[in-house]
Amino acid sequence: MMTKLSIEHRYQKLVEKLLFKSAEEVTLIDLTHLNAEADVFLIATANSDVHMRTLLNVVEETLDAEGTSYVVEGRNSSLWGLIDTGKLVVHIFSKRGRDFYRIESIWGDAPTTVFAD
């Protein structure tokens, strides 16, 4: 099992790239101790449809560079896009989508780290 520090370290590059592209409310949820499909959720908010596509693209580019396989869902949605690697699920939301889905409240008992915008 990974510790909180090692999980943050493992996904640090991805978090930094999202923040560099002006992602808002970047949040990492550690699901390793829960019976969840994934070990980690990484959540970010985009401020427009174009920004959402940009954030999805930066995640894909980073995963491609690492040689990580993934599946993308919601590419044409204006509320939410998802990239699933199996262990990591990246959620990119519009502000409206994030308010609607409220992922953090669903996993409220999981350790959470919020990164500065």
Protein backbone atom coordinates (compact mmCIF):
# COMPACT_ATOMS: atom_id res chain seq x y z
CA MET A 1 0.00 0.00 0.00
CA MET A 2 1.29 3.47 -0.88
CA THR A 3 1.53 6.15 1.78
CA LYS A 4 -0.02 9.58 1.29
CA LEU A 5 3.43 11.07 0.66
CA SER A 6 4.33 8.49 -1.96
CA ILE A 7 0.95 8.94 -3.70
CA GLU A 8 1.45 12.71 -3.84
CA HIS A 9 5.00 12.18 -5.09
CA ARG A 10 3.88 9.62 -7.70
CA TYR A 11 1.42 12.08 -9.27
CA GLN A 12 3.39 15.29 -8.64
CA LYS A 13 4.33 15.78 -12.30
CA LEU A 14 0.73 15.45 -13.42
CA VAL A 15 -0.47 17.86 -10.72
CA GLU A 16 2.22 20.39 -11.69
CA LYS A 17 1.24 20.21 -15.36
CA LEU A 18 -2.43 20.72 -14.54
CA LEU A 19 -1.60 23.71 -12.35
CA PHE A 20 0.70 25.11 -15.05
CA LYS A 21 -2.27 24.97 -17.45
CA SER A 22 -4.36 26.92 -14.90
CA ALA A 23 -6.49 24.04 -13.65
CA GLU A 24 -8.48 25.08 -10.59
CA GLU A 25 -9.24 23.18 -7.39
CA VAL A 26 -6.77 20.39 -8.17
CA THR A 27 -7.51 17.67 -5.63
CA LEU A 28 -6.03 14.23 -5.04
CA ILE A 29 -8.16 11.62 -3.25
CA ASP A 30 -6.37 8.56 -1.89
CA LEU A 31 -8.67 5.54 -2.24
CA THR A 32 -6.04 2.87 -1.50
CA HIS A 33 -7.55 1.90 1.86
CA LEU A 34 -11.09 1.69 0.47
CA ASN A 35 -12.61 -1.01 -1.70
CA ALA A 36 -12.66 1.21 -4.76
CA GLU A 37 -12.03 0.42 -8.41
CA ALA A 38 -9.10 2.87 -8.51
CA ASP A 39 -6.38 3.77 -5.99
CA VAL A 40 -6.41 7.51 -6.66
CA PHE A 41 -8.78 10.13 -8.04
CA LEU A 42 -7.20 13.32 -9.35
CA ILE A 43 -9.80 16.04 -9.86
CA ALA A 44 -9.44 19.42 -11.55
CA THR A 45 -11.79 22.17 -12.66
CA ALA A 46 -11.64 23.88 -16.06
CA ASN A 47 -13.01 27.36 -16.72
CA SER A 48 -14.33 26.67 -20.27
CA ASP A 49 -14.90 23.89 -22.81
CA VAL A 50 -11.61 24.75 -24.52
CA HIS A 51 -9.80 24.73 -21.20
CA MET A 52 -11.33 21.33 -20.39
CA ARG A 53 -9.99 19.89 -23.66
CA THR A 54 -6.58 21.45 -22.93
CA LEU A 55 -6.46 19.82 -19.49
CA LEU A 56 -7.52 16.45 -20.89
CA ASN A 57 -4.81 16.77 -23.55
CA VAL A 58 -2.08 17.58 -21.02
CA VAL A 59 -3.04 14.52 -18.97
CA GLU A 60 -2.98 12.33 -22.09
CA GLU A 61 0.40 13.72 -23.18
CA THR A 62 1.86 13.08 -19.72
CA LEU A 63 0.54 9.53 -19.59
CA ASP A 64 1.73 8.86 -23.15
CA ALA A 65 5.23 10.06 -22.21
CA GLU A 66 5.20 7.65 -19.25
CA GLY A 67 3.96 4.78 -21.42
CA THR A 68 0.80 4.45 -19.34
CA SER A 69 -2.32 2.94 -20.95
CA TYR A 70 -5.63 4.72 -20.41
CA VAL A 71 -9.22 5.13 -21.55
CA VAL A 72 -10.88 8.52 -22.11
CA GLU A 73 -14.58 9.14 -21.52
CA GLY A 74 -16.69 12.27 -21.84
CA ARG A 75 -14.41 13.92 -24.38
CA ASN A 76 -17.37 15.81 -25.89
CA SER A 77 -19.12 16.61 -22.62
CA SER A 78 -19.34 20.18 -21.40
CA LEU A 79 -19.56 18.99 -17.76
CA TRP A 80 -16.97 16.28 -17.32
CA GLY A 81 -14.13 14.33 -18.90
CA LEU A 82 -12.42 11.29 -17.43
CA ILE A 83 -9.13 9.52 -18.04
CA ASP A 84 -8.87 6.08 -16.45
CA THR A 85 -5.55 4.23 -16.12
CA GLY A 86 -6.90 1.57 -13.78
CA LYS A 87 -5.07 2.75 -10.66
CA LEU A 88 -5.56 6.47 -11.38
CA VAL A 89 -8.75 8.16 -12.54
CA VAL A 90 -8.44 11.80 -13.60
CA HIS A 91 -11.67 13.80 -13.57
CA ILE A 92 -11.71 17.14 -15.41
CA PHE A 93 -14.87 19.07 -14.64
CA SER A 94 -16.46 22.33 -15.67
CA LYS A 95 -17.41 24.40 -12.62
CA ARG A 96 -21.05 23.39 -13.13
CA GLY A 97 -20.09 19.73 -13.51
CA ARG A 98 -17.98 19.72 -10.36
CA ASP A 99 -20.82 21.25 -8.37
CA PHE A 100 -23.25 18.70 -9.83
CA TYR A 101 -21.17 15.51 -9.34
CA ARG A 102 -19.58 16.48 -5.99
CA ILE A 103 -17.01 13.66 -6.14
CA GLU A 104 -15.27 14.84 -2.97
CA SER A 105 -18.45 14.41 -0.92
CA ILE A 106 -18.93 10.85 -2.18
CA TRP A 107 -15.42 9.91 -1.00
CA GLY A 108 -15.47 12.15 2.07
CA ASP A 109 -13.83 9.55 4.31
CA ALA A 110 -10.77 9.22 2.03
CA PRO A 111 -7.55 11.20 2.65
CA THR A 112 -7.61 14.26 0.40
CA THR A 113 -4.96 16.76 -0.69
CA VAL A 114 -5.93 20.07 -2.31
CA PHE A 115 -3.20 21.80 -4.31
CA ALA A 116 -2.90 25.58 -4.63
CA ASP A 117 -4.25 27.13 -7.84
